[in-house]
Protein backbone atom coordinates (compact mmCIF):
# COMPACT_ATOMS: atom_id res chain seq x y z
CA UNK A 1 0.00 0.00 0.00
CA UNK A 2 1.40 3.43 -0.93
CA UNK A 3 0.91 6.73 0.86
CA UNK A 4 -0.24 9.76 -1.12
CA UNK A 5 1.67 12.94 -0.22
CA UNK A 6 -0.65 15.93 -0.12
CA UNK A 7 1.21 18.35 2.20
CA UNK A 8 4.92 19.02 2.61
CA UNK A 9 6.32 21.23 5.40
CA UNK A 10 9.38 23.28 4.47
CA UNK A 11 11.72 24.84 7.06
CA UNK A 12 14.82 26.64 5.77
CA UNK A 13 17.51 29.05 6.89
CA UNK A 14 18.75 30.30 3.49
CA UNK A 15 17.32 31.46 0.18
CA UNK A 16 19.20 28.74 -1.69
CA UNK A 17 17.76 26.10 0.63
CA UNK A 18 14.29 27.56 0.09
CA UNK A 19 14.57 27.40 -3.70
CA UNK A 20 15.83 23.81 -3.60
CA UNK A 21 13.20 22.56 -1.16
CA UNK A 22 10.30 24.30 -2.89
CA UNK A 23 11.40 22.93 -6.25
CA UNK A 24 11.61 19.40 -4.81
CA UNK A 25 8.21 19.73 -3.09
CA UNK A 26 6.53 21.04 -6.24
CA UNK A 27 7.96 18.14 -8.27
CA UNK A 28 6.68 15.59 -5.73
CA UNK A 29 3.24 17.19 -5.67
CA UNK A 30 3.07 17.46 -9.47
CA UNK A 31 3.63 13.70 -9.67
CA UNK A 32 0.76 13.10 -7.23
CA UNK A 33 -1.53 15.67 -8.92
CA UNK A 34 -1.00 13.99 -12.29
CA UNK A 35 -2.80 10.90 -10.98
CA UNK A 36 -6.18 12.65 -10.73
CA UNK A 37 -5.62 15.94 -12.61
CA UNK A 38 -8.02 17.71 -10.22
CA UNK A 39 -5.71 19.68 -7.91
CA UNK A 40 -3.12 22.40 -8.31
CA UNK A 41 -0.34 23.31 -5.89
CA UNK A 42 -0.52 25.97 -3.21
CA UNK A 43 2.69 27.23 -1.57
CA UNK A 44 1.93 29.09 1.69
CA UNK A 45 4.49 31.27 3.49
CA UNK A 46 3.64 31.19 7.19
CA UNK A 47 6.66 33.19 8.34
CA UNK A 48 10.24 33.70 7.10
CA UNK A 49 11.76 30.28 6.50
CA UNK A 50 8.53 28.36 7.13
CA UNK A 51 6.37 27.22 4.21
CA UNK A 52 3.82 24.57 3.33
CA UNK A 53 3.41 23.06 -0.13
CA UNK A 54 0.13 21.27 -0.65
CA UNK A 55 -2.35 20.02 -3.20
CA UNK A 56 -5.41 22.25 -3.34
CA UNK A 57 -8.75 21.84 -5.09
CA UNK A 58 -8.96 25.66 -5.06
CA UNK A 59 -6.03 25.85 -7.48
CA UNK A 60 -6.59 24.53 -11.02
CA UNK A 61 -4.63 21.47 -12.09
CA UNK A 62 -1.33 22.49 -13.69
CA UNK A 63 -1.09 25.75 -11.72
CA UNK A 64 1.11 26.61 -8.73
CA UNK A 65 0.10 29.60 -6.56
CA UNK A 66 1.78 31.30 -3.63
CA UNK A 67 -0.02 32.59 -0.57
CA UNK A 68 1.68 34.76 2.07
CA UNK A 69 -0.01 34.79 5.46
PDB file of N, CA and C in Angstrom:
ATOM      1  N   UNK A   1       0.851  -1.179   0.000  1.00  0.00           N
ATOM      2  CA  UNK A   1       0.000   0.000   0.000  1.00  0.00           C
ATOM      3  C   UNK A   1       0.895   1.240   0.000  1.00  0.00           C
ATOM      4  N   UNK A   2       0.595   2.216  -0.872  1.00  0.00           N
ATOM      5  CA  UNK A   2       1.405   3.427  -0.928  1.00  0.00           C
ATOM      6  C   UNK A   2       0.672   4.590  -0.272  1.00  0.00           C
ATOM      7  N   UNK A   3       1.453   5.553   0.203  1.00  0.00           N
ATOM      8  CA  UNK A   3       0.905   6.728   0.855  1.00  0.00           C
ATOM      9  C   UNK A   3       0.936   7.896  -0.126  1.00  0.00           C
ATOM     10  N   UNK A   4      -0.169   8.604  -0.242  1.00  0.00           N
ATOM     11  CA  UNK A   4      -0.237   9.764  -1.118  1.00  0.00           C
ATOM     12  C   UNK A   4       0.184  11.000  -0.335  1.00  0.00           C
ATOM     13  N   UNK A   5       1.184  11.712  -0.862  1.00  0.00           N
ATOM     14  CA  UNK A   5       1.667  12.936  -0.225  1.00  0.00           C
ATOM     15  C   UNK A   5       0.790  14.090  -0.695  1.00  0.00           C
ATOM     16  N   UNK A   6       0.174  14.789   0.240  1.00  0.00           N
ATOM     17  CA  UNK A   6      -0.654  15.933  -0.118  1.00  0.00           C
ATOM     18  C   UNK A   6      -0.137  17.231   0.485  1.00  0.00           C
ATOM     19  N   UNK A   7       0.661  17.162   1.549  1.00  0.00           N
ATOM     20  CA  UNK A   7       1.209  18.354   2.197  1.00  0.00           C
ATOM     21  C   UNK A   7       2.669  18.109   2.558  1.00  0.00           C
ATOM     22  N   UNK A   8       3.504  19.108   2.279  1.00  0.00           N
ATOM     23  CA  UNK A   8       4.923  19.023   2.608  1.00  0.00           C
ATOM     24  C   UNK A   8       5.298  20.280   3.384  1.00  0.00           C
ATOM     25  N   UNK A   9       5.839  20.107   4.592  1.00  0.00           N
ATOM     26  CA  UNK A   9       6.317  21.235   5.397  1.00  0.00           C
ATOM     27  C   UNK A   9       7.754  21.546   5.008  1.00  0.00           C
ATOM     28  N   UNK A  10       8.043  22.832   4.865  1.00  0.00           N
ATOM     29  CA  UNK A  10       9.376  23.281   4.472  1.00  0.00           C
ATOM     30  C   UNK A  10       9.885  24.258   5.518  1.00  0.00           C
ATOM     31  N   UNK A  11      11.061  23.960   6.079  1.00  0.00           N
ATOM     32  CA  UNK A  11      11.715  24.838   7.055  1.00  0.00           C
ATOM     33  C   UNK A  11      13.141  25.073   6.565  1.00  0.00           C
ATOM     34  N   UNK A  12      13.499  26.327   6.322  1.00  0.00           N
ATOM     35  CA  UNK A  12      14.818  26.644   5.770  1.00  0.00           C
ATOM     36  C   UNK A  12      15.450  27.835   6.474  1.00  0.00           C
ATOM     37  N   UNK A  13      16.774  27.940   6.302  1.00  0.00           N
ATOM     38  CA  UNK A  13      17.514  29.048   6.893  1.00  0.00           C
ATOM     39  C   UNK A  13      18.140  29.950   5.824  1.00  0.00           C
ATOM     40  N   UNK A  14      18.125  29.509   4.549  1.00  0.00           N
ATOM     41  CA  UNK A  14      18.754  30.298   3.494  1.00  0.00           C
ATOM     42  C   UNK A  14      17.870  30.337   2.252  1.00  0.00           C
ATOM     43  N   UNK A  15      18.085  31.339   1.414  1.00  0.00           N
ATOM     44  CA  UNK A  15      17.321  31.463   0.176  1.00  0.00           C
ATOM     45  C   UNK A  15      17.595  30.284  -0.748  1.00  0.00           C
ATOM     46  N   UNK A  16      18.858  29.877  -0.833  1.00  0.00           N
ATOM     47  CA  UNK A  16      19.204  28.739  -1.687  1.00  0.00           C
ATOM     48  C   UNK A  16      18.471  27.479  -1.229  1.00  0.00           C
ATOM     49  N   UNK A  17      18.471  27.250   0.083  1.00  0.00           N
ATOM     50  CA  UNK A  17      17.756  26.103   0.625  1.00  0.00           C
ATOM     51  C   UNK A  17      16.275  26.173   0.317  1.00  0.00           C
ATOM     52  N   UNK A  18      15.708  27.372   0.393  1.00  0.00           N
ATOM     53  CA  UNK A  18      14.292  27.558   0.086  1.00  0.00           C
ATOM     54  C   UNK A  18      14.002  27.172  -1.350  1.00  0.00           C
ATOM     55  N   UNK A  19      14.784  27.704  -2.275  1.00  0.00           N
ATOM     56  CA  UNK A  19      14.570  27.401  -3.695  1.00  0.00           C
ATOM     57  C   UNK A  19      14.654  25.905  -3.958  1.00  0.00           C
ATOM     58  N   UNK A  20      15.649  25.246  -3.385  1.00  0.00           N
ATOM     59  CA  UNK A  20      15.835  23.808  -3.597  1.00  0.00           C
ATOM     60  C   UNK A  20      14.678  22.994  -3.016  1.00  0.00           C
ATOM     61  N   UNK A  21      14.267  23.334  -1.799  1.00  0.00           N
ATOM     62  CA  UNK A  21      13.204  22.559  -1.157  1.00  0.00           C
ATOM     63  C   UNK A  21      11.846  22.800  -1.804  1.00  0.00           C
ATOM     64  N   UNK A  22      11.576  24.037  -2.209  1.00  0.00           N
ATOM     65  CA  UNK A  22      10.299  24.301  -2.887  1.00  0.00           C
ATOM     66  C   UNK A  22      10.267  23.589  -4.229  1.00  0.00           C
ATOM     67  N   UNK A  23      11.350  23.632  -4.966  1.00  0.00           N
ATOM     68  CA  UNK A  23      11.403  22.931  -6.252  1.00  0.00           C
ATOM     69  C   UNK A  23      11.157  21.434  -6.077  1.00  0.00           C
ATOM     70  N   UNK A  24      11.787  20.832  -5.073  1.00  0.00           N
ATOM     71  CA  UNK A  24      11.608  19.403  -4.813  1.00  0.00           C
ATOM     72  C   UNK A  24      10.168  19.099  -4.394  1.00  0.00           C
ATOM     73  N   UNK A  25       9.593  19.946  -3.548  1.00  0.00           N
ATOM     74  CA  UNK A  25       8.214  19.733  -3.094  1.00  0.00           C
ATOM     75  C   UNK A  25       7.233  19.848  -4.256  1.00  0.00           C
ATOM     76  N   UNK A  26       7.421  20.850  -5.088  1.00  0.00           N
ATOM     77  CA  UNK A  26       6.529  21.038  -6.243  1.00  0.00           C
ATOM     78  C   UNK A  26       6.615  19.824  -7.168  1.00  0.00           C
ATOM     79  N   UNK A  27       7.806  19.317  -7.400  1.00  0.00           N
ATOM     80  CA  UNK A  27       7.961  18.141  -8.268  1.00  0.00           C
ATOM     81  C   UNK A  27       7.219  16.937  -7.690  1.00  0.00           C
ATOM     82  N   UNK A  28       7.380  16.704  -6.379  1.00  0.00           N
ATOM     83  CA  UNK A  28       6.677  15.586  -5.735  1.00  0.00           C
ATOM     84  C   UNK A  28       5.167  15.750  -5.873  1.00  0.00           C
ATOM     85  N   UNK A  29       4.679  16.960  -5.613  1.00  0.00           N
ATOM     86  CA  UNK A  29       3.239  17.193  -5.665  1.00  0.00           C
ATOM     87  C   UNK A  29       2.710  17.139  -7.098  1.00  0.00           C
ATOM     88  N   UNK A  30       3.499  17.561  -8.074  1.00  0.00           N
ATOM     89  CA  UNK A  30       3.074  17.456  -9.471  1.00  0.00           C
ATOM     90  C   UNK A  30       2.871  15.995  -9.854  1.00  0.00           C
ATOM     91  N   UNK A  31       3.754  15.132  -9.382  1.00  0.00           N
ATOM     92  CA  UNK A  31       3.625  13.703  -9.669  1.00  0.00           C
ATOM     93  C   UNK A  31       2.329  13.146  -9.086  1.00  0.00           C
ATOM     94  N   UNK A  32       1.995  13.568  -7.876  1.00  0.00           N
ATOM     95  CA  UNK A  32       0.764  13.104  -7.234  1.00  0.00           C
ATOM     96  C   UNK A  32      -0.455  13.702  -7.943  1.00  0.00           C
ATOM     97  N   UNK A  33      -0.399  14.988  -8.261  1.00  0.00           N
ATOM     98  CA  UNK A  33      -1.528  15.668  -8.918  1.00  0.00           C
ATOM     99  C   UNK A  33      -1.825  15.058 -10.277  1.00  0.00           C
ATOM    100  N   UNK A  34      -0.811  14.567 -10.953  1.00  0.00           N
ATOM    101  CA  UNK A  34      -1.002  13.986 -12.287  1.00  0.00           C
ATOM    102  C   UNK A  34      -1.877  12.732 -12.260  1.00  0.00           C
ATOM    103  N   UNK A  35      -1.991  12.115 -11.095  1.00  0.00           N
ATOM    104  CA  UNK A  35      -2.805  10.903 -10.984  1.00  0.00           C
ATOM    105  C   UNK A  35      -4.291  11.199 -11.164  1.00  0.00           C
ATOM    106  N   UNK A  36      -4.752  12.331 -10.651  1.00  0.00           N
ATOM    107  CA  UNK A  36      -6.178  12.653 -10.729  1.00  0.00           C
ATOM    108  C   UNK A  36      -6.479  13.861 -11.612  1.00  0.00           C
ATOM    109  N   UNK A  37      -5.481  14.739 -11.797  1.00  0.00           N
ATOM    110  CA  UNK A  37      -5.622  15.943 -12.611  1.00  0.00           C
ATOM    111  C   UNK A  37      -6.757  16.847 -12.124  1.00  0.00           C
ATOM    112  N   UNK A  38      -6.939  16.889 -10.792  1.00  0.00           N
ATOM    113  CA  UNK A  38      -8.016  17.712 -10.216  1.00  0.00           C
ATOM    114  C   UNK A  38      -7.522  18.777  -9.257  1.00  0.00           C
ATOM    115  N   UNK A  39      -6.244  18.742  -8.905  1.00  0.00           N
ATOM    116  CA  UNK A  39      -5.707  19.684  -7.910  1.00  0.00           C
ATOM    117  C   UNK A  39      -4.473  20.399  -8.446  1.00  0.00           C
ATOM    118  N   UNK A  40      -4.342  21.653  -8.052  1.00  0.00           N
ATOM    119  CA  UNK A  40      -3.124  22.403  -8.307  1.00  0.00           C
ATOM    120  C   UNK A  40      -2.300  22.421  -7.032  1.00  0.00           C
ATOM    121  N   UNK A  41      -1.260  23.251  -7.029  1.00  0.00           N
ATOM    122  CA  UNK A  41      -0.344  23.311  -5.889  1.00  0.00           C
ATOM    123  C   UNK A  41      -0.397  24.697  -5.275  1.00  0.00           C
ATOM    124  N   UNK A  42      -0.504  24.731  -3.970  1.00  0.00           N
ATOM    125  CA  UNK A  42      -0.516  25.975  -3.213  1.00  0.00           C
ATOM    126  C   UNK A  42       0.690  25.996  -2.288  1.00  0.00           C
ATOM    127  N   UNK A  43       1.539  27.025  -2.438  1.00  0.00           N
ATOM    128  CA  UNK A  43       2.689  27.234  -1.566  1.00  0.00           C
ATOM    129  C   UNK A  43       2.311  28.359  -0.605  1.00  0.00           C
ATOM    130  N   UNK A  44       2.315  28.093   0.694  1.00  0.00           N
ATOM    131  CA  UNK A  44       1.935  29.093   1.688  1.00  0.00           C
ATOM    132  C   UNK A  44       3.145  29.464   2.535  1.00  0.00           C
ATOM    133  N   UNK A  45       3.407  30.767   2.619  1.00  0.00           N
ATOM    134  CA  UNK A  45       4.487  31.266   3.489  1.00  0.00           C
ATOM    135  C   UNK A  45       3.850  31.659   4.812  1.00  0.00           C
ATOM    136  N   UNK A  46       4.192  30.946   5.866  1.00  0.00           N
ATOM    137  CA  UNK A  46       3.636  31.195   7.188  1.00  0.00           C
ATOM    138  C   UNK A  46       4.436  32.254   7.935  1.00  0.00           C
ATOM    139  N   UNK A  47       5.738  32.222   7.752  1.00  0.00           N
ATOM    140  CA  UNK A  47       6.662  33.190   8.338  1.00  0.00           C
ATOM    141  C   UNK A  47       7.989  32.987   7.615  1.00  0.00           C
ATOM    142  N   UNK A  48       8.958  33.887   7.783  1.00  0.00           N
ATOM    143  CA  UNK A  48      10.236  33.701   7.095  1.00  0.00           C
ATOM    144  C   UNK A  48      10.840  32.325   7.401  1.00  0.00           C
ATOM    145  N   UNK A  49      11.150  31.589   6.351  1.00  0.00           N
ATOM    146  CA  UNK A  49      11.761  30.278   6.498  1.00  0.00           C
ATOM    147  C   UNK A  49      10.805  29.138   6.757  1.00  0.00           C
ATOM    148  N   UNK A  50       9.514  29.411   6.846  1.00  0.00           N
ATOM    149  CA  UNK A  50       8.532  28.355   7.130  1.00  0.00           C
ATOM    150  C   UNK A  50       7.417  28.397   6.086  1.00  0.00           C
ATOM    151  N   UNK A  51       7.329  27.317   5.310  1.00  0.00           N
ATOM    152  CA  UNK A  51       6.372  27.219   4.207  1.00  0.00           C
ATOM    153  C   UNK A  51       5.660  25.879   4.244  1.00  0.00           C
ATOM    154  N   UNK A  52       4.524  25.820   3.556  1.00  0.00           N
ATOM    155  CA  UNK A  52       3.819  24.569   3.330  1.00  0.00           C
ATOM    156  C   UNK A  52       3.516  24.481   1.842  1.00  0.00           C
ATOM    157  N   UNK A  53       3.797  23.342   1.253  1.00  0.00           N
ATOM    158  CA  UNK A  53       3.415  23.064  -0.134  1.00  0.00           C
ATOM    159  C   UNK A  53       2.341  21.994  -0.074  1.00  0.00           C
ATOM    160  N   UNK A  54       1.220  22.240  -0.745  1.00  0.00           N
ATOM    161  CA  UNK A  54       0.129  21.273  -0.649  1.00  0.00           C
ATOM    162  C   UNK A  54      -0.705  21.237  -1.919  1.00  0.00           C
ATOM    163  N   UNK A  55      -1.377  20.113  -2.127  1.00  0.00           N
ATOM    164  CA  UNK A  55      -2.354  20.023  -3.195  1.00  0.00           C
ATOM    165  C   UNK A  55      -3.599  20.761  -2.746  1.00  0.00           C
ATOM    166  N   UNK A  56      -4.224  21.486  -3.683  1.00  0.00           N
ATOM    167  CA  UNK A  56      -5.414  22.250  -3.337  1.00  0.00           C
ATOM    168  C   UNK A  56      -6.440  22.158  -4.458  1.00  0.00           C
ATOM    169  N   UNK A  57      -7.681  21.860  -4.085  1.00  0.00           N
ATOM    170  CA  UNK A  57      -8.747  21.842  -5.087  1.00  0.00           C
ATOM    171  C   UNK A  57      -9.196  23.262  -5.440  1.00  0.00           C
ATOM    172  N   UNK A  58      -8.661  24.263  -4.747  1.00  0.00           N
ATOM    173  CA  UNK A  58      -8.960  25.664  -5.063  1.00  0.00           C
ATOM    174  C   UNK A  58      -7.996  26.238  -6.097  1.00  0.00           C
ATOM    175  N   UNK A  59      -6.992  25.462  -6.458  1.00  0.00           N
ATOM    176  CA  UNK A  59      -6.030  25.855  -7.485  1.00  0.00           C
ATOM    177  C   UNK A  59      -6.227  24.894  -8.660  1.00  0.00           C
ATOM    178  N   UNK A  60      -6.385  25.417  -9.872  1.00  0.00           N
ATOM    179  CA  UNK A  60      -6.591  24.532 -11.020  1.00  0.00           C
ATOM    180  C   UNK A  60      -5.397  23.606 -11.262  1.00  0.00           C
ATOM    181  N   UNK A  61      -5.684  22.427 -11.755  1.00  0.00           N
ATOM    182  CA  UNK A  61      -4.626  21.474 -12.088  1.00  0.00           C
ATOM    183  C   UNK A  61      -3.648  22.130 -13.068  1.00  0.00           C
ATOM    184  N   UNK A  62      -2.366  21.926 -12.830  1.00  0.00           N
ATOM    185  CA  UNK A  62      -1.335  22.488 -13.691  1.00  0.00           C
ATOM    186  C   UNK A  62      -0.850  23.860 -13.277  1.00  0.00           C
ATOM    187  N   UNK A  63      -1.439  24.413 -12.196  1.00  0.00           N
ATOM    188  CA  UNK A  63      -1.094  25.753 -11.723  1.00  0.00           C
ATOM    189  C   UNK A  63      -0.488  25.644 -10.326  1.00  0.00           C
ATOM    190  N   UNK A  64       0.530  26.476 -10.064  1.00  0.00           N
ATOM    191  CA  UNK A  64       1.105  26.609  -8.728  1.00  0.00           C
ATOM    192  C   UNK A  64       0.910  28.057  -8.283  1.00  0.00           C
ATOM    193  N   UNK A  65       0.321  28.250  -7.109  1.00  0.00           N
ATOM    194  CA  UNK A  65       0.096  29.596  -6.563  1.00  0.00           C
ATOM    195  C   UNK A  65       0.811  29.734  -5.248  1.00  0.00           C
ATOM    196  N   UNK A  66       1.131  30.993  -4.913  1.00  0.00           N
ATOM    197  CA  UNK A  66       1.781  31.296  -3.632  1.00  0.00           C
ATOM    198  C   UNK A  66       0.856  32.159  -2.788  1.00  0.00           C
ATOM    199  N   UNK A  67       0.778  31.845  -1.523  1.00  0.00           N
ATOM    200  CA  UNK A  67      -0.023  32.588  -0.566  1.00  0.00           C
ATOM    201  C   UNK A  67       0.889  32.985   0.581  1.00  0.00           C
ATOM    202  N   UNK A  68       0.882  34.276   0.933  1.00  0.00           N
ATOM    203  CA  UNK A  68       1.675  34.755   2.067  1.00  0.00           C
ATOM    204  C   UNK A  68       0.718  35.151   3.178  1.00  0.00           C
ATOM    205  N   UNK A  69       0.868  34.501   4.321  1.00  0.00           N
ATOM    206  CA  UNK A  69      -0.010  34.785   5.456  1.00  0.00           C
ATOM    207  C   UNK A  69       0.628  35.833   6.333  1.00  0.00           C
TER     208      UNK A  69
END
